[in-house]
N, C-alpha and C. Protein backbone atom coordinates (compact mmCIF):
# COMPACT_ATOMS: atom_id res chain seq x y z
N UNK A 1 123.96 -81.38 158.17
CA UNK A 1 123.30 -81.89 159.82
C UNK A 1 124.03 -83.23 160.15
N UNK A 2 124.67 -83.65 161.34
CA UNK A 2 124.90 -84.85 161.70
C UNK A 2 123.91 -85.32 162.57
N UNK A 3 124.08 -86.55 163.32
CA UNK A 3 123.60 -86.94 163.96
C UNK A 3 123.86 -86.88 165.44
N UNK A 4 122.89 -86.93 166.21
CA UNK A 4 123.67 -87.19 167.88
C UNK A 4 122.42 -88.41 168.36
N UNK A 5 123.33 -88.77 169.63
CA UNK A 5 122.53 -89.82 170.35
C UNK A 5 121.57 -89.23 171.93
N UNK A 6 120.31 -89.78 172.12
CA UNK A 6 119.69 -89.22 172.96
C UNK A 6 119.11 -90.38 174.02
N UNK A 7 119.78 -90.66 174.97
CA UNK A 7 119.59 -91.66 175.79
C UNK A 7 118.11 -91.41 176.76
N UNK A 8 117.01 -92.31 176.93
CA UNK A 8 116.00 -91.84 177.39
C UNK A 8 115.77 -92.95 178.83
N UNK A 9 115.47 -92.52 179.93
CA UNK A 9 115.03 -93.78 180.75
C UNK A 9 113.46 -93.64 180.79
N UNK A 10 112.74 -94.45 180.28
CA UNK A 10 111.69 -94.59 180.50
C UNK A 10 110.79 -96.19 181.40
N UNK A 11 109.62 -96.04 181.71
CA UNK A 11 109.10 -96.78 181.95
C UNK A 11 108.50 -97.99 181.38
N UNK A 12 108.57 -99.23 182.07
CA UNK A 12 108.22 -100.50 181.41
C UNK A 12 107.20 -100.61 180.77
N UNK A 13 105.91 -99.77 181.34
CA UNK A 13 104.78 -100.10 180.67
C UNK A 13 104.81 -99.39 179.11
N UNK A 14 105.43 -97.94 179.52
CA UNK A 14 105.64 -97.17 178.37
C UNK A 14 106.02 -97.88 177.19
N UNK A 15 107.16 -98.30 177.53
CA UNK A 15 108.40 -99.15 176.60
C UNK A 15 107.29 -99.99 175.97
N UNK A 16 106.51 -100.84 176.46
CA UNK A 16 105.60 -101.89 176.15
C UNK A 16 104.61 -101.27 175.37
N UNK A 17 104.24 -100.12 175.51
CA UNK A 17 102.95 -99.40 174.59
C UNK A 17 103.90 -99.10 173.19
N UNK A 18 104.98 -98.42 173.70
CA UNK A 18 105.66 -97.76 172.11
C UNK A 18 106.08 -99.18 171.37
N UNK A 19 106.44 -100.39 171.99
CA UNK A 19 106.76 -101.13 170.78
C UNK A 19 105.74 -102.13 170.55
N UNK A 20 104.20 -102.02 170.73
CA UNK A 20 103.20 -102.32 170.03
C UNK A 20 102.93 -101.12 169.28
N UNK A 21 102.78 -100.17 169.49
CA UNK A 21 102.80 -99.18 168.44
C UNK A 21 103.82 -99.16 167.27
N UNK A 22 104.51 -99.37 167.55
CA UNK A 22 105.75 -99.46 166.44
C UNK A 22 105.50 -100.63 165.77
N UNK A 23 105.32 -101.97 166.19
CA UNK A 23 105.02 -103.13 165.42
C UNK A 23 104.16 -103.00 164.84
N UNK A 24 103.12 -102.54 164.93
CA UNK A 24 101.69 -102.47 164.05
C UNK A 24 102.27 -101.77 162.96
N UNK A 25 103.15 -100.43 162.88
CA UNK A 25 103.56 -100.06 161.85
C UNK A 25 104.83 -100.61 161.01
N UNK A 26 105.36 -101.85 161.52
CA UNK A 26 106.28 -102.34 161.04
C UNK A 26 107.76 -101.46 161.27
N UNK A 27 107.67 -101.29 162.59
CA UNK A 27 109.09 -100.10 162.66
C UNK A 27 109.50 -100.48 163.97
N UNK A 28 110.94 -99.76 164.11
CA UNK A 28 111.61 -100.27 165.45
C UNK A 28 111.07 -99.35 166.56
N UNK A 29 111.24 -99.60 167.41
CA UNK A 29 110.70 -98.10 168.62
C UNK A 29 111.51 -96.87 168.35
N UNK A 30 113.10 -97.10 167.69
CA UNK A 30 113.80 -95.47 167.52
C UNK A 30 112.68 -94.98 166.63
N UNK A 31 112.94 -95.58 165.23
CA UNK A 31 112.26 -94.77 164.23
C UNK A 31 110.64 -94.74 164.44
N UNK A 32 110.06 -95.21 165.48
CA UNK A 32 108.97 -94.73 165.49
C UNK A 32 108.76 -93.62 166.60
N UNK A 33 109.89 -93.87 167.74
CA UNK A 33 109.76 -92.32 168.55
C UNK A 33 110.39 -91.35 167.57
N UNK A 34 111.12 -91.28 166.74
CA UNK A 34 112.00 -90.20 165.99
C UNK A 34 110.87 -89.80 165.12
N UNK A 35 109.77 -90.73 164.42
CA UNK A 35 108.93 -90.13 163.58
C UNK A 35 107.81 -89.15 163.94
N UNK A 36 107.94 -89.85 165.38
CA UNK A 36 106.62 -89.21 166.40
C UNK A 36 107.14 -87.68 166.71
N UNK A 37 108.50 -87.57 167.04
CA UNK A 37 108.87 -86.52 167.48
C UNK A 37 109.11 -85.64 165.94
N UNK A 38 109.32 -85.95 164.85
CA UNK A 38 109.67 -84.95 163.73
C UNK A 38 108.24 -84.65 163.21
N UNK A 39 107.20 -85.51 163.12
CA UNK A 39 105.88 -84.98 162.98
C UNK A 39 105.44 -83.98 164.11
N UNK A 40 105.56 -84.33 165.29
CA UNK A 40 105.22 -83.51 166.26
C UNK A 40 105.79 -81.92 165.70
N UNK A 41 107.15 -81.83 165.64
CA UNK A 41 107.90 -80.82 165.16
C UNK A 41 107.18 -80.04 164.11
N UNK A 42 107.09 -80.75 162.97
CA UNK A 42 106.32 -80.21 161.77
C UNK A 42 105.11 -79.67 162.00
N UNK A 43 103.85 -80.52 162.96
CA UNK A 43 102.75 -79.90 163.56
C UNK A 43 103.00 -78.53 163.57
N UNK A 44 103.64 -78.03 164.65
CA UNK A 44 104.11 -77.01 165.25
C UNK A 44 104.61 -75.75 164.52
N UNK A 45 105.61 -76.25 163.61
CA UNK A 45 106.21 -75.27 162.58
C UNK A 45 104.83 -74.47 161.95
N UNK A 46 104.15 -75.88 161.58
CA UNK A 46 103.09 -75.25 160.54
C UNK A 46 101.84 -74.32 161.27
N UNK A 47 101.65 -74.69 162.49
CA UNK A 47 100.42 -74.07 162.75
C UNK A 47 101.36 -72.51 163.07
N UNK A 48 102.58 -72.58 163.45
CA UNK A 48 103.18 -71.04 163.36
C UNK A 48 103.09 -70.51 162.29
N UNK A 49 103.16 -71.01 160.99
CA UNK A 49 103.27 -69.87 159.95
C UNK A 49 101.89 -70.11 159.29
N UNK A 50 100.70 -70.82 159.96
CA UNK A 50 99.53 -70.57 159.52
C UNK A 50 99.15 -69.22 160.83
N UNK A 51 99.37 -69.22 161.67
CA UNK A 51 99.33 -67.77 162.67
C UNK A 51 99.59 -66.62 161.94
N UNK A 52 101.38 -66.82 161.59
CA UNK A 52 101.71 -65.43 161.14
C UNK A 52 101.25 -65.13 159.65
N UNK A 53 100.68 -66.11 159.18
CA UNK A 53 99.94 -65.58 157.42
C UNK A 53 98.78 -64.96 157.80
N UNK A 54 97.97 -65.54 159.15
CA UNK A 54 96.63 -64.84 159.44
C UNK A 54 96.79 -63.39 160.00
N UNK A 55 97.95 -63.14 160.65
CA UNK A 55 98.54 -61.55 160.92
C UNK A 55 98.90 -61.19 159.94
N UNK A 56 99.96 -61.65 159.06
CA UNK A 56 100.12 -60.88 157.99
C UNK A 56 98.73 -60.25 157.09
N UNK A 57 97.77 -60.85 156.69
CA UNK A 57 96.54 -60.61 155.84
C UNK A 57 95.23 -60.27 156.80
N UNK A 58 95.78 -59.98 158.07
CA UNK A 58 94.61 -59.40 159.08
C UNK A 58 93.28 -60.20 159.33
N UNK A 59 93.60 -61.46 158.99
CA UNK A 59 92.35 -62.25 159.62
C UNK A 59 92.08 -62.09 161.31
N UNK A 60 90.53 -61.89 160.94
CA UNK A 60 90.48 -61.73 162.53
C UNK A 60 90.96 -63.49 163.73
């Protein structure tokens, strides 16, 4: 899988908050945002898997 570039235009206040969050974790803003997106994607896929498993086993 290759990489692509995503360019965002965001509010200065939001960027400041992202910088603060990233700095607390010793990360760049880019790494922090990518990590957040990956985590959110994992959460969605995990929830879908749980729901499909419950349907398969007939959990009410």
